[in-house]
Amino acid sequence: MDDLSPALAGIVTALVENLTPEALAALADDPLVGAVAVDDRALPGLRGSTLPLTLVATGGAAQVDGPLRLAARLDLRVAGVRTTVRDPGDPAGAVRRVLTALDQARAEGLLDDEVPVTLVLPAGIGDHGAGAALDEVAAAELRAGLAADDPAAWVRLVDAALDREVPVETVGAGAPPPLVVLAATRACLDGEPEAAERLLRAADAGAAGAAYDVATLERTRRWCPRVDARR
């Protein structure tokens, strides 16, 4: 890492195609990696891993209990939970169902209060639905997950999230380089959505790093805690 290291340390949620022991061991020395994204169906093969894991629930928005129980039995280090809001007709209701499941998991000691939970908003969600969902996310002090496949939509939804003081994780294999996403988030915070969109479309980490000083980018990490990246 270069002189941007304070701003980028642990920013990556690693997407690993083959979760072999060798691949996981290599990630332990990557200072950008804060956690490894693991779909709940892959948990049985990870016994013995000590890396921090972001548990990606695949069985429905509210079904987090089973994967968390399995992770606990395998003595895995769950450093984050991610689930997708799958009801575009009632996204706020879907978020509330997740919250009910999370409350139950916490009450049973399966999930620490400090573990961040990210609710991924579905592609194509409208402004009204997104706003309603983000209101629920904000009230519960969770994170929002957004894909950046459509830069204009990402900027619009990030603005809506930041208005509600909701941190945003940028998710999916198509996410721009983490430094680009961090700089674009800063542009949104500064009220410059056009600049944010330009940064995303260019996907030029060098230009993004030159746009802001390290201290400014480091402060921005509160609102841009993680970005998915292949490893």
Protein backbone atom coordinates (compact mmCIF):
# COMPACT_ATOMS: atom_id res chain seq x y z
CA MET A 1 0.00 0.00 0.00
CA ASP A 2 1.15 3.54 -0.70
CA ASP A 3 0.53 6.73 1.26
CA LEU A 4 -3.21 6.16 0.92
CA SER A 5 -2.92 3.20 3.28
CA PRO A 6 -4.74 4.87 6.21
CA ALA A 7 -7.77 5.42 4.01
CA LEU A 8 -7.76 2.00 2.38
CA ALA A 9 -6.84 -0.39 5.18
CA GLY A 10 -9.46 -3.14 5.39
CA ILE A 11 -11.74 -1.56 2.80
CA VAL A 12 -12.11 -4.70 0.66
CA THR A 13 -14.65 -7.43 1.11
CA ALA A 14 -12.90 -10.13 -0.87
CA LEU A 15 -14.82 -12.15 -3.45
CA VAL A 16 -12.98 -15.44 -3.87
CA GLU A 17 -14.01 -17.89 -6.58
CA ASN A 18 -12.38 -20.95 -5.01
CA LEU A 19 -12.36 -20.85 -1.24
CA THR A 20 -9.40 -23.19 -0.81
CA PRO A 21 -7.26 -23.09 2.34
CA GLU A 22 -4.40 -21.78 0.21
CA ALA A 23 -6.48 -18.94 -1.23
CA LEU A 24 -7.70 -17.93 2.20
CA ALA A 25 -4.21 -18.06 3.68
CA ALA A 26 -2.96 -15.69 0.98
CA LEU A 27 -5.62 -13.14 1.91
CA ALA A 28 -4.36 -12.95 5.47
CA ASP A 29 -1.40 -10.87 4.24
CA ASP A 30 -3.46 -8.44 2.13
CA PRO A 31 -3.81 -5.16 4.08
CA LEU A 32 -6.75 -4.06 1.95
CA VAL A 33 -8.89 -7.06 2.89
CA GLY A 34 -11.18 -6.51 5.84
CA ALA A 35 -13.29 -9.64 5.37
CA VAL A 36 -14.05 -12.44 2.94
CA ALA A 37 -17.55 -12.75 1.50
CA VAL A 38 -18.84 -16.29 2.04
CA ASP A 39 -22.18 -17.53 0.90
CA ASP A 40 -23.82 -19.58 3.64
CA ARG A 41 -23.76 -22.74 1.49
CA ALA A 42 -19.94 -22.68 1.55
CA LEU A 43 -19.62 -22.61 5.35
CA PRO A 44 -19.04 -26.36 5.89
CA GLY A 45 -15.81 -26.24 3.88
CA LEU A 46 -14.35 -23.42 5.98
CA ARG A 47 -13.89 -25.19 9.28
CA GLY A 48 -10.66 -24.04 10.85
CA SER A 49 -10.49 -20.69 9.05
CA THR A 50 -9.61 -17.75 11.26
CA LEU A 51 -10.21 -15.01 8.69
CA PRO A 52 -13.03 -12.53 9.32
CA LEU A 53 -16.02 -13.53 7.20
CA THR A 54 -18.95 -11.59 5.80
CA LEU A 55 -21.75 -14.13 5.88
CA VAL A 56 -23.94 -13.77 2.79
CA ALA A 57 -27.38 -15.22 3.49
CA THR A 58 -28.92 -16.90 0.42
CA GLY A 59 -32.12 -18.37 1.83
CA GLY A 60 -34.31 -15.30 1.92
CA ALA A 61 -34.18 -11.90 3.52
CA ALA A 62 -35.12 -13.04 7.03
CA GLN A 63 -33.34 -16.42 7.12
CA VAL A 64 -30.16 -15.66 9.00
CA ASP A 65 -30.65 -17.88 12.03
CA GLY A 66 -29.55 -21.17 10.42
CA PRO A 67 -26.33 -19.87 8.84
CA LEU A 68 -25.33 -18.12 12.06
CA ARG A 69 -25.87 -21.33 14.03
CA LEU A 70 -23.73 -23.24 11.56
CA ALA A 71 -20.98 -20.63 11.69
CA ALA A 72 -21.00 -20.84 15.49
CA ARG A 73 -20.73 -24.65 15.41
CA LEU A 74 -17.78 -24.39 13.03
CA ASP A 75 -16.15 -21.73 15.25
CA LEU A 76 -15.92 -19.29 12.35
CA ARG A 77 -15.31 -15.57 12.82
CA VAL A 78 -18.40 -13.75 11.53
CA ALA A 79 -17.38 -10.12 11.04
CA GLY A 80 -20.43 -9.09 9.03
CA VAL A 81 -23.80 -10.31 7.78
CA ARG A 82 -25.24 -9.46 4.39
CA THR A 83 -28.66 -10.24 3.02
CA THR A 84 -30.61 -8.96 0.03
CA VAL A 85 -34.03 -7.32 0.16
CA ARG A 86 -35.92 -9.56 -2.26
CA ASP A 87 -39.41 -8.04 -2.15
CA PRO A 88 -39.39 -5.05 -4.54
CA GLY A 89 -43.10 -4.61 -3.93
CA ASP A 90 -42.61 -4.01 -0.22
CA PRO A 91 -38.93 -3.34 0.49
CA ALA A 92 -39.63 -1.65 3.82
CA GLY A 93 -41.61 -4.68 4.96
CA ALA A 94 -38.77 -6.95 3.85
CA VAL A 95 -36.32 -4.91 5.92
CA ARG A 96 -38.58 -5.21 8.95
CA ARG A 97 -38.64 -9.00 8.55
CA VAL A 98 -34.85 -9.02 8.52
CA LEU A 99 -34.81 -6.90 11.67
CA THR A 100 -37.09 -9.40 13.42
CA ALA A 101 -34.72 -12.23 12.49
CA LEU A 102 -31.70 -10.24 13.62
CA ASP A 103 -33.31 -9.42 16.96
CA GLN A 104 -33.98 -13.12 17.51
CA ALA A 105 -30.40 -14.06 16.58
CA ARG A 106 -29.00 -11.48 18.97
CA ALA A 107 -31.32 -12.59 21.75
CA GLU A 108 -30.05 -16.15 21.31
CA GLY A 109 -26.42 -15.05 21.38
CA LEU A 110 -25.78 -15.94 17.75
CA LEU A 111 -24.93 -12.38 16.66
CA ASP A 112 -23.03 -9.74 18.59
CA ASP A 113 -24.43 -6.23 18.54
CA GLU A 114 -21.11 -4.96 17.15
CA VAL A 115 -21.25 -7.12 14.00
CA PRO A 116 -22.31 -4.88 11.07
CA VAL A 117 -25.33 -5.98 9.07
CA THR A 118 -25.76 -4.90 5.46
CA LEU A 119 -29.07 -4.96 3.60
CA VAL A 120 -28.54 -5.00 -0.15
CA LEU A 121 -31.16 -3.09 -2.11
CA PRO A 122 -32.25 -4.90 -5.27
CA ALA A 123 -31.34 -3.62 -8.72
CA GLY A 124 -34.03 -1.46 -10.24
CA ILE A 125 -35.61 -0.45 -6.95
CA GLY A 126 -37.52 2.81 -7.36
CA ASP A 127 -36.81 5.96 -5.43
CA HIS A 128 -39.94 5.58 -3.28
CA GLY A 129 -39.21 1.97 -2.36
CA ALA A 130 -35.55 2.73 -1.74
CA GLY A 131 -36.42 5.65 0.50
CA ALA A 132 -38.83 3.55 2.55
CA ALA A 133 -36.26 0.76 2.90
CA LEU A 134 -33.49 3.19 3.82
CA ASP A 135 -35.71 4.75 6.49
CA GLU A 136 -35.93 1.32 8.15
CA VAL A 137 -32.20 0.69 7.71
CA ALA A 138 -31.39 4.06 9.26
CA ALA A 139 -33.68 3.49 12.24
CA ALA A 140 -31.97 0.15 12.93
CA GLU A 141 -28.47 1.63 12.40
CA LEU A 142 -27.58 -0.91 9.72
CA ARG A 143 -25.67 -0.50 6.46
CA ALA A 144 -27.06 -0.38 2.94
CA GLY A 145 -25.57 -2.45 0.15
CA LEU A 146 -25.66 -1.05 -3.38
CA ALA A 147 -24.37 -2.34 -6.71
CA ALA A 148 -22.51 0.16 -8.91
CA ASP A 149 -23.40 -1.35 -12.29
CA ASP A 150 -25.40 1.81 -13.05
CA PRO A 151 -23.33 4.80 -11.82
CA ALA A 152 -26.24 7.23 -12.01
CA ALA A 153 -28.45 4.94 -9.92
CA TRP A 154 -25.62 4.36 -7.43
CA VAL A 155 -25.11 8.09 -6.95
CA ARG A 156 -28.83 8.69 -6.50
CA LEU A 157 -29.15 5.93 -3.90
CA VAL A 158 -25.95 6.89 -2.09
CA ASP A 159 -27.26 10.43 -1.79
CA ALA A 160 -30.50 9.05 -0.32
CA ALA A 161 -28.56 6.86 2.12
CA LEU A 162 -26.23 9.66 3.22
CA ASP A 163 -29.21 11.95 3.78
CA ARG A 164 -30.32 9.35 6.36
CA GLU A 165 -26.79 8.89 7.76
CA VAL A 166 -26.63 5.31 6.48
CA PRO A 167 -23.17 3.94 5.55
CA VAL A 168 -23.01 2.23 2.17
CA GLU A 169 -21.16 -0.89 1.12
CA THR A 170 -20.71 -1.22 -2.64
CA VAL A 171 -21.34 -4.83 -3.58
CA GLY A 172 -20.91 -7.19 -6.50
CA ALA A 173 -18.12 -8.31 -8.77
CA GLY A 174 -18.68 -5.29 -11.01
CA ALA A 175 -17.78 -2.74 -8.35
CA PRO A 176 -15.17 -0.15 -9.43
CA PRO A 177 -11.80 -0.10 -7.63
CA PRO A 178 -12.22 0.63 -3.91
CA LEU A 179 -10.36 3.95 -4.12
CA VAL A 180 -12.71 5.08 -6.88
CA VAL A 181 -15.77 4.20 -4.80
CA LEU A 182 -14.31 5.97 -1.78
CA ALA A 183 -13.65 9.13 -3.79
CA ALA A 184 -17.12 9.00 -5.36
CA THR A 185 -18.65 8.71 -1.89
CA ARG A 186 -16.67 11.80 -0.87
CA ALA A 187 -18.02 13.67 -3.88
CA CYS A 188 -21.57 12.74 -2.84
CA LEU A 189 -20.90 13.96 0.69
CA ASP A 190 -19.63 17.24 -0.78
CA GLY A 191 -22.83 17.69 -2.79
CA GLU A 192 -21.17 16.94 -6.14
CA PRO A 193 -23.16 14.05 -7.67
CA GLU A 194 -21.92 14.80 -11.19
CA ALA A 195 -18.32 14.46 -10.04
CA ALA A 196 -19.18 11.21 -8.27
CA GLU A 197 -20.69 9.78 -11.43
CA ARG A 198 -17.69 10.83 -13.51
CA LEU A 199 -15.33 9.10 -11.09
CA LEU A 200 -17.34 5.89 -11.25
CA ARG A 201 -17.54 5.88 -15.03
CA ALA A 202 -13.82 6.53 -15.42
CA ALA A 203 -12.92 3.88 -12.82
CA ASP A 204 -9.43 5.44 -12.68
CA ALA A 205 -7.89 4.82 -9.26
CA GLY A 206 -5.04 7.24 -9.96
CA ALA A 207 -7.40 10.11 -10.73
CA ALA A 208 -9.58 9.24 -7.75
CA GLY A 209 -6.59 9.28 -5.41
CA ALA A 210 -5.46 12.63 -6.76
CA ALA A 211 -8.89 14.21 -6.25
CA TYR A 212 -8.76 14.23 -2.43
CA ASP A 213 -6.13 14.25 0.27
CA VAL A 214 -5.58 11.22 2.46
CA ALA A 215 -7.14 12.74 5.57
CA THR A 216 -10.35 13.54 3.67
CA LEU A 217 -10.57 10.02 2.26
CA GLU A 218 -9.86 8.54 5.68
CA ARG A 219 -12.77 10.50 7.17
CA THR A 220 -14.98 9.23 4.35
CA ARG A 221 -14.49 5.63 5.45
CA ARG A 222 -17.25 6.09 8.02
CA TRP A 223 -19.69 6.23 5.11
CA CYS A 224 -17.87 3.87 2.75
CA PRO A 225 -16.75 1.06 5.06
CA ARG A 226 -16.38 -1.73 2.47
CA VAL A 227 -16.21 -2.33 -1.28
CA ASP A 228 -16.39 -5.76 -2.90
CA ALA A 229 -13.36 -6.77 -4.95
CA ARG A 230 -12.19 -10.00 -6.52
CA ARG A 231 -9.17 -11.58 -4.95
